[in-house]
Amino acid sequence: MALMIRKKRYKFQVELKINELTEVTFGKAILFAKIRQLDGGGFSDFSNRVEVSNHTVKYNQEFTFPCKMNANSNTGVLESCKFRISIRKEEKGGRNFRKIGFVDVDMAEYAGAGPSTQRYILQAYEQTHRLDNSMLNLTLNITLKEGDLVFQRPTTRQQPIQLPGEEEQSVANTLSVN
């Protein structure tokens, strides 16, 4: 007889603030963002339409929405739960738009960690679309509303990312210890 593996269920409140989009290649354009929850709910909303100024778009707009996440009952590690922010360029006087790029954010990585500000490089929608290295600056605060207080965020990296020069220091430290 096979055992049924139950999953722990959690409800979180997501507070997302889109701060700014930097390194924009357009000199004069009106950009906006569409926020859409891919997992754990059906939230969808648009940001204000903001004109590019000095290759930067300052949104400073907040969004709040609920999110449901599951975790393995044995390990307590949250499963991936994503939302997408799509950056779009207004065309033809606002009657049409063109998709510039998107960012997928895994909310499970930030659950219960307090306010966290991150930068993401926009991904291209198509392989033929030229990447312009625009960076989206976000602040996320994900708080537990319902569920067991004991859970783990999934690990994103096995080793920390080191800045140039830190590799030599860590190698020298391991050699001096031995």
C-alpha atoms as a PDB file:
ATOM      1  CA  MET A   1       0.000   0.000   0.000  1.00  0.00           C
ATOM      2  CA  ALA A   2       1.487   3.321  -1.059  1.00  0.00           C
ATOM      3  CA  LEU A   3       1.773   6.071   1.489  1.00  0.00           C
ATOM      4  CA  MET A   4       0.223   9.392   0.631  1.00  0.00           C
ATOM      5  CA  ILE A   5       2.611  12.265   1.109  1.00  0.00           C
ATOM      6  CA  ARG A   6       0.742  15.253   2.397  1.00  0.00           C
ATOM      7  CA  LYS A   7       2.005  18.721   1.835  1.00  0.00           C
ATOM      8  CA  LYS A   8       1.939  21.500   4.349  1.00  0.00           C
ATOM      9  CA  ARG A   9      -0.049  24.485   3.163  1.00  0.00           C
ATOM     10  CA  TYR A  10       0.831  28.099   3.863  1.00  0.00           C
ATOM     11  CA  LYS A  11      -0.759  31.446   3.101  1.00  0.00           C
ATOM     12  CA  PHE A  12       1.459  34.491   2.741  1.00  0.00           C
ATOM     13  CA  GLN A  13       0.871  38.192   2.201  1.00  0.00           C
ATOM     14  CA  VAL A  14       3.155  39.579  -0.513  1.00  0.00           C
ATOM     15  CA  GLU A  15       4.107  43.249  -0.472  1.00  0.00           C
ATOM     16  CA  LEU A  16       5.869  44.121  -3.716  1.00  0.00           C
ATOM     17  CA  LYS A  17       7.291  47.532  -4.516  1.00  0.00           C
ATOM     18  CA  ILE A  18       8.609  48.205  -7.996  1.00  0.00           C
ATOM     19  CA  ASN A  19      11.219  50.878  -7.360  1.00  0.00           C
ATOM     20  CA  GLU A  20      12.761  51.614 -10.739  1.00  0.00           C
ATOM     21  CA  LEU A  21      13.971  50.332 -14.079  1.00  0.00           C
ATOM     22  CA  THR A  22      17.520  51.459 -14.867  1.00  0.00           C
ATOM     23  CA  GLU A  23      19.830  51.255 -17.892  1.00  0.00           C
ATOM     24  CA  VAL A  24      16.910  51.740 -20.300  1.00  0.00           C
ATOM     25  CA  THR A  25      18.079  52.067 -23.902  1.00  0.00           C
ATOM     26  CA  PHE A  26      15.114  54.150 -25.053  1.00  0.00           C
ATOM     27  CA  GLY A  27      15.700  57.894 -25.030  1.00  0.00           C
ATOM     28  CA  LYS A  28      12.029  58.817 -25.121  1.00  0.00           C
ATOM     29  CA  ALA A  29       9.323  56.260 -24.406  1.00  0.00           C
ATOM     30  CA  ILE A  30       6.500  55.502 -22.004  1.00  0.00           C
ATOM     31  CA  LEU A  31       6.928  52.210 -20.149  1.00  0.00           C
ATOM     32  CA  PHE A  32       4.693  50.274 -17.775  1.00  0.00           C
ATOM     33  CA  ALA A  33       4.827  46.942 -15.963  1.00  0.00           C
ATOM     34  CA  LYS A  34       2.344  44.097 -15.760  1.00  0.00           C
ATOM     35  CA  ILE A  35       2.533  41.979 -12.624  1.00  0.00           C
ATOM     36  CA  ARG A  36       1.072  38.474 -12.921  1.00  0.00           C
ATOM     37  CA  GLN A  37       1.143  35.668 -10.401  1.00  0.00           C
ATOM     38  CA  LEU A  38       2.162  32.405 -12.108  1.00  0.00           C
ATOM     39  CA  ASP A  39       1.702  30.089  -9.085  1.00  0.00           C
ATOM     40  CA  GLY A  40      -0.254  30.236  -5.836  1.00  0.00           C
ATOM     41  CA  GLY A  41      -2.984  32.625  -6.923  1.00  0.00           C
ATOM     42  CA  GLY A  42      -4.440  34.674  -9.735  1.00  0.00           C
ATOM     43  CA  PHE A  43      -3.234  38.214  -9.038  1.00  0.00           C
ATOM     44  CA  SER A  44      -2.709  40.470 -12.054  1.00  0.00           C
ATOM     45  CA  ASP A  45      -2.262  44.245 -12.191  1.00  0.00           C
ATOM     46  CA  PHE A  46      -0.569  47.052 -14.121  1.00  0.00           C
ATOM     47  CA  SER A  47       1.743  49.795 -12.904  1.00  0.00           C
ATOM     48  CA  ASN A  48       1.457  53.449 -13.805  1.00  0.00           C
ATOM     49  CA  ARG A  49       2.680  54.504 -17.231  1.00  0.00           C
ATOM     50  CA  VAL A  50       5.901  56.438 -16.727  1.00  0.00           C
ATOM     51  CA  GLU A  51       8.099  58.288 -19.208  1.00  0.00           C
ATOM     52  CA  VAL A  52      11.796  57.432 -19.477  1.00  0.00           C
ATOM     53  CA  SER A  53      13.966  60.146 -17.938  1.00  0.00           C
ATOM     54  CA  ASN A  54      17.773  59.977 -18.072  1.00  0.00           C
ATOM     55  CA  HIS A  55      17.604  56.259 -19.060  1.00  0.00           C
ATOM     56  CA  THR A  56      15.634  55.480 -15.872  1.00  0.00           C
ATOM     57  CA  VAL A  57      11.968  54.836 -15.132  1.00  0.00           C
ATOM     58  CA  LYS A  58      10.979  55.528 -11.510  1.00  0.00           C
ATOM     59  CA  TYR A  59       7.810  53.609 -10.671  1.00  0.00           C
ATOM     60  CA  ASN A  60       7.829  53.657  -6.828  1.00  0.00           C
ATOM     61  CA  GLN A  61       4.552  51.741  -6.845  1.00  0.00           C
ATOM     62  CA  GLU A  62       3.395  49.156  -4.319  1.00  0.00           C
ATOM     63  CA  PHE A  63       1.262  46.052  -4.851  1.00  0.00           C
ATOM     64  CA  THR A  64      -0.165  43.735  -2.187  1.00  0.00           C
ATOM     65  CA  PHE A  65      -1.596  40.297  -2.881  1.00  0.00           C
ATOM     66  CA  PRO A  66      -2.107  36.917  -1.144  1.00  0.00           C
ATOM     67  CA  CYS A  67      -0.107  33.845  -2.111  1.00  0.00           C
ATOM     68  CA  LYS A  68      -0.566  30.158  -1.313  1.00  0.00           C
ATOM     69  CA  MET A  69       2.544  27.979  -1.040  1.00  0.00           C
ATOM     70  CA  ASN A  70       3.102  24.307  -0.295  1.00  0.00           C
ATOM     71  CA  ALA A  71       5.964  22.568   1.459  1.00  0.00           C
ATOM     72  CA  ASN A  72       7.093  18.974   1.718  1.00  0.00           C
ATOM     73  CA  SER A  73       5.771  17.618   5.033  1.00  0.00           C
ATOM     74  CA  ASN A  74       9.042  15.797   5.816  1.00  0.00           C
ATOM     75  CA  THR A  75      11.589  18.505   5.036  1.00  0.00           C
ATOM     76  CA  GLY A  76       9.454  21.660   5.374  1.00  0.00           C
ATOM     77  CA  VAL A  77      11.108  23.221   2.290  1.00  0.00           C
ATOM     78  CA  LEU A  78       8.763  25.509   0.372  1.00  0.00           C
ATOM     79  CA  GLU A  79       8.037  24.628  -3.246  1.00  0.00           C
ATOM     80  CA  SER A  80       8.693  27.147  -5.999  1.00  0.00           C
ATOM     81  CA  CYS A  81       6.012  29.826  -6.338  1.00  0.00           C
ATOM     82  CA  LYS A  82       6.619  32.512  -8.955  1.00  0.00           C
ATOM     83  CA  PHE A  83       5.281  35.779 -10.259  1.00  0.00           C
ATOM     84  CA  ARG A  84       6.264  37.597 -13.447  1.00  0.00           C
ATOM     85  CA  ILE A  85       6.833  41.273 -14.047  1.00  0.00           C
ATOM     86  CA  SER A  86       6.580  42.127 -17.728  1.00  0.00           C
ATOM     87  CA  ILE A  87       7.930  45.488 -18.908  1.00  0.00           C
ATOM     88  CA  ARG A  88       6.044  46.947 -21.858  1.00  0.00           C
ATOM     89  CA  LYS A  89       6.483  49.980 -24.091  1.00  0.00           C
ATOM     90  CA  GLU A  90       3.445  52.039 -25.005  1.00  0.00           C
ATOM     91  CA  GLU A  91       2.916  52.585 -28.738  1.00  0.00           C
ATOM     92  CA  LYS A  92       0.443  54.447 -30.942  1.00  0.00           C
ATOM     93  CA  GLY A  93      -0.680  56.853 -28.239  1.00  0.00           C
ATOM     94  CA  GLY A  94      -1.432  54.152 -25.685  1.00  0.00           C
ATOM     95  CA  ARG A  95      -3.639  52.021 -27.917  1.00  0.00           C
ATOM     96  CA  ASN A  96      -0.978  49.356 -28.343  1.00  0.00           C
ATOM     97  CA  PHE A  97       2.141  48.085 -26.540  1.00  0.00           C
ATOM     98  CA  ARG A  98       5.301  46.109 -27.249  1.00  0.00           C
ATOM     99  CA  LYS A  99       6.768  43.631 -24.776  1.00  0.00           C
ATOM    100  CA  ILE A 100      10.333  44.635 -23.858  1.00  0.00           C
ATOM    101  CA  GLY A 101      11.320  41.951 -21.346  1.00  0.00           C
ATOM    102  CA  PHE A 102      10.319  40.146 -18.179  1.00  0.00           C
ATOM    103  CA  VAL A 103      11.553  39.011 -14.787  1.00  0.00           C
ATOM    104  CA  ASP A 104      10.396  35.855 -12.967  1.00  0.00           C
ATOM    105  CA  VAL A 105      10.738  36.016  -9.181  1.00  0.00           C
ATOM    106  CA  ASP A 106      10.450  32.962  -6.908  1.00  0.00           C
ATOM    107  CA  MET A 107       8.560  34.108  -3.808  1.00  0.00           C
ATOM    108  CA  ALA A 108       9.559  30.980  -1.863  1.00  0.00           C
ATOM    109  CA  GLU A 109      13.139  32.284  -1.733  1.00  0.00           C
ATOM    110  CA  TYR A 110      12.033  35.420   0.171  1.00  0.00           C
ATOM    111  CA  ALA A 111       9.238  33.999   2.373  1.00  0.00           C
ATOM    112  CA  GLY A 112       9.543  35.192   5.966  1.00  0.00           C
ATOM    113  CA  ALA A 113      12.896  36.921   5.330  1.00  0.00           C
ATOM    114  CA  GLY A 114      11.669  40.475   5.913  1.00  0.00           C
ATOM    115  CA  PRO A 115      11.983  43.336   3.434  1.00  0.00           C
ATOM    116  CA  SER A 116      14.523  42.533   0.730  1.00  0.00           C
ATOM    117  CA  THR A 117      15.610  44.774  -2.145  1.00  0.00           C
ATOM    118  CA  GLN A 118      16.898  42.997  -5.252  1.00  0.00           C
ATOM    119  CA  ARG A 119      17.904  43.857  -8.811  1.00  0.00           C
ATOM    120  CA  TYR A 120      17.041  41.658 -11.763  1.00  0.00           C
ATOM    121  CA  ILE A 121      18.212  41.845 -15.378  1.00  0.00           C
ATOM    122  CA  LEU A 122      15.334  41.729 -17.856  1.00  0.00           C
ATOM    123  CA  GLN A 123      14.984  38.514 -19.877  1.00  0.00           C
ATOM    124  CA  ALA A 124      14.071  38.725 -23.582  1.00  0.00           C
ATOM    125  CA  TYR A 125      10.735  37.324 -24.759  1.00  0.00           C
ATOM    126  CA  GLU A 126      12.190  36.038 -28.023  1.00  0.00           C
ATOM    127  CA  GLN A 127      15.631  34.874 -29.071  1.00  0.00           C
ATOM    128  CA  THR A 128      15.606  37.432 -31.892  1.00  0.00           C
ATOM    129  CA  HIS A 129      14.999  40.316 -29.480  1.00  0.00           C
ATOM    130  CA  ARG A 130      18.198  42.133 -28.549  1.00  0.00           C
ATOM    131  CA  LEU A 131      18.890  42.221 -24.815  1.00  0.00           C
ATOM    132  CA  ASP A 132      19.606  45.681 -23.454  1.00  0.00           C
ATOM    133  CA  ASN A 133      20.677  44.800 -19.870  1.00  0.00           C
ATOM    134  CA  SER A 134      17.973  46.886 -18.231  1.00  0.00           C
ATOM    135  CA  MET A 135      17.772  46.231 -14.486  1.00  0.00           C
ATOM    136  CA  LEU A 136      14.557  46.156 -12.482  1.00  0.00           C
ATOM    137  CA  ASN A 137      14.867  47.148  -8.819  1.00  0.00           C
ATOM    138  CA  LEU A 138      12.259  45.496  -6.526  1.00  0.00           C
ATOM    139  CA  THR A 139      11.547  45.397  -2.806  1.00  0.00           C
ATOM    140  CA  LEU A 140       9.768  42.270  -1.524  1.00  0.00           C
ATOM    141  CA  ASN A 141       8.305  41.597   1.902  1.00  0.00           C
ATOM    142  CA  ILE A 142       6.531  38.234   2.242  1.00  0.00           C
ATOM    143  CA  THR A 143       4.876  37.539   5.608  1.00  0.00           C
ATOM    144  CA  LEU A 144       3.184  34.385   6.858  1.00  0.00           C
ATOM    145  CA  LYS A 145      -0.586  34.695   7.410  1.00  0.00           C
ATOM    146  CA  GLU A 146      -1.663  31.063   7.905  1.00  0.00           C
ATOM    147  CA  GLY A 147       0.197  27.818   8.494  1.00  0.00           C
ATOM    148  CA  ASP A 148       2.932  26.285  10.602  1.00  0.00           C
ATOM    149  CA  LEU A 149       5.609  28.733  11.703  1.00  0.00           C
ATOM    150  CA  VAL A 150       8.330  26.210  10.900  1.00  0.00           C
ATOM    151  CA  PHE A 151       9.296  26.179   7.225  1.00  0.00           C
ATOM    152  CA  GLN A 152      12.470  26.483   5.162  1.00  0.00           C
ATOM    153  CA  ARG A 153      13.187  28.637   2.160  1.00  0.00           C
ATOM    154  CA  PRO A 154      14.689  26.706  -0.771  1.00  0.00           C
ATOM    155  CA  THR A 155      18.417  27.149  -1.243  1.00  0.00           C
ATOM    156  CA  THR A 156      19.205  29.045  -4.413  1.00  0.00           C
ATOM    157  CA  ARG A 157      22.965  28.595  -4.519  1.00  0.00           C
ATOM    158  CA  GLN A 158      25.282  25.990  -3.052  1.00  0.00           C
ATOM    159  CA  GLN A 159      28.175  28.452  -2.713  1.00  0.00           C
ATOM    160  CA  PRO A 160      28.082  32.213  -2.234  1.00  0.00           C
ATOM    161  CA  ILE A 161      28.931  34.468  -5.146  1.00  0.00           C
ATOM    162  CA  GLN A 162      32.350  35.968  -4.568  1.00  0.00           C
ATOM    163  CA  LEU A 163      33.562  39.327  -5.779  1.00  0.00           C
ATOM    164  CA  PRO A 164      36.857  39.612  -7.672  1.00  0.00           C
ATOM    165  CA  GLY A 165      39.748  39.284  -5.236  1.00  0.00           C
ATOM    166  CA  GLU A 166      37.779  37.275  -2.677  1.00  0.00           C
ATOM    167  CA  GLU A 167      38.719  33.985  -4.370  1.00  0.00           C
ATOM    168  CA  GLU A 168      42.408  34.506  -3.632  1.00  0.00           C
ATOM    169  CA  GLN A 169      41.629  35.373  -0.002  1.00  0.00           C
ATOM    170  CA  SER A 170      39.508  32.249   0.548  1.00  0.00           C
ATOM    171  CA  VAL A 171      42.179  30.013  -1.043  1.00  0.00           C
ATOM    172  CA  ALA A 172      44.892  31.629   1.095  1.00  0.00           C
ATOM    173  CA  ASN A 173      42.799  31.158   4.254  1.00  0.00           C
ATOM    174  CA  THR A 174      42.254  27.445   3.560  1.00  0.00           C
ATOM    175  CA  LEU A 175      45.968  26.936   2.878  1.00  0.00           C
ATOM    176  CA  SER A 176      47.029  28.728   6.098  1.00  0.00           C
ATOM    177  CA  VAL A 177      44.591  26.654   8.190  1.00  0.00           C
ATOM    178  CA  ASN A 178      46.041  23.379   6.874  1.00  0.00           C
END
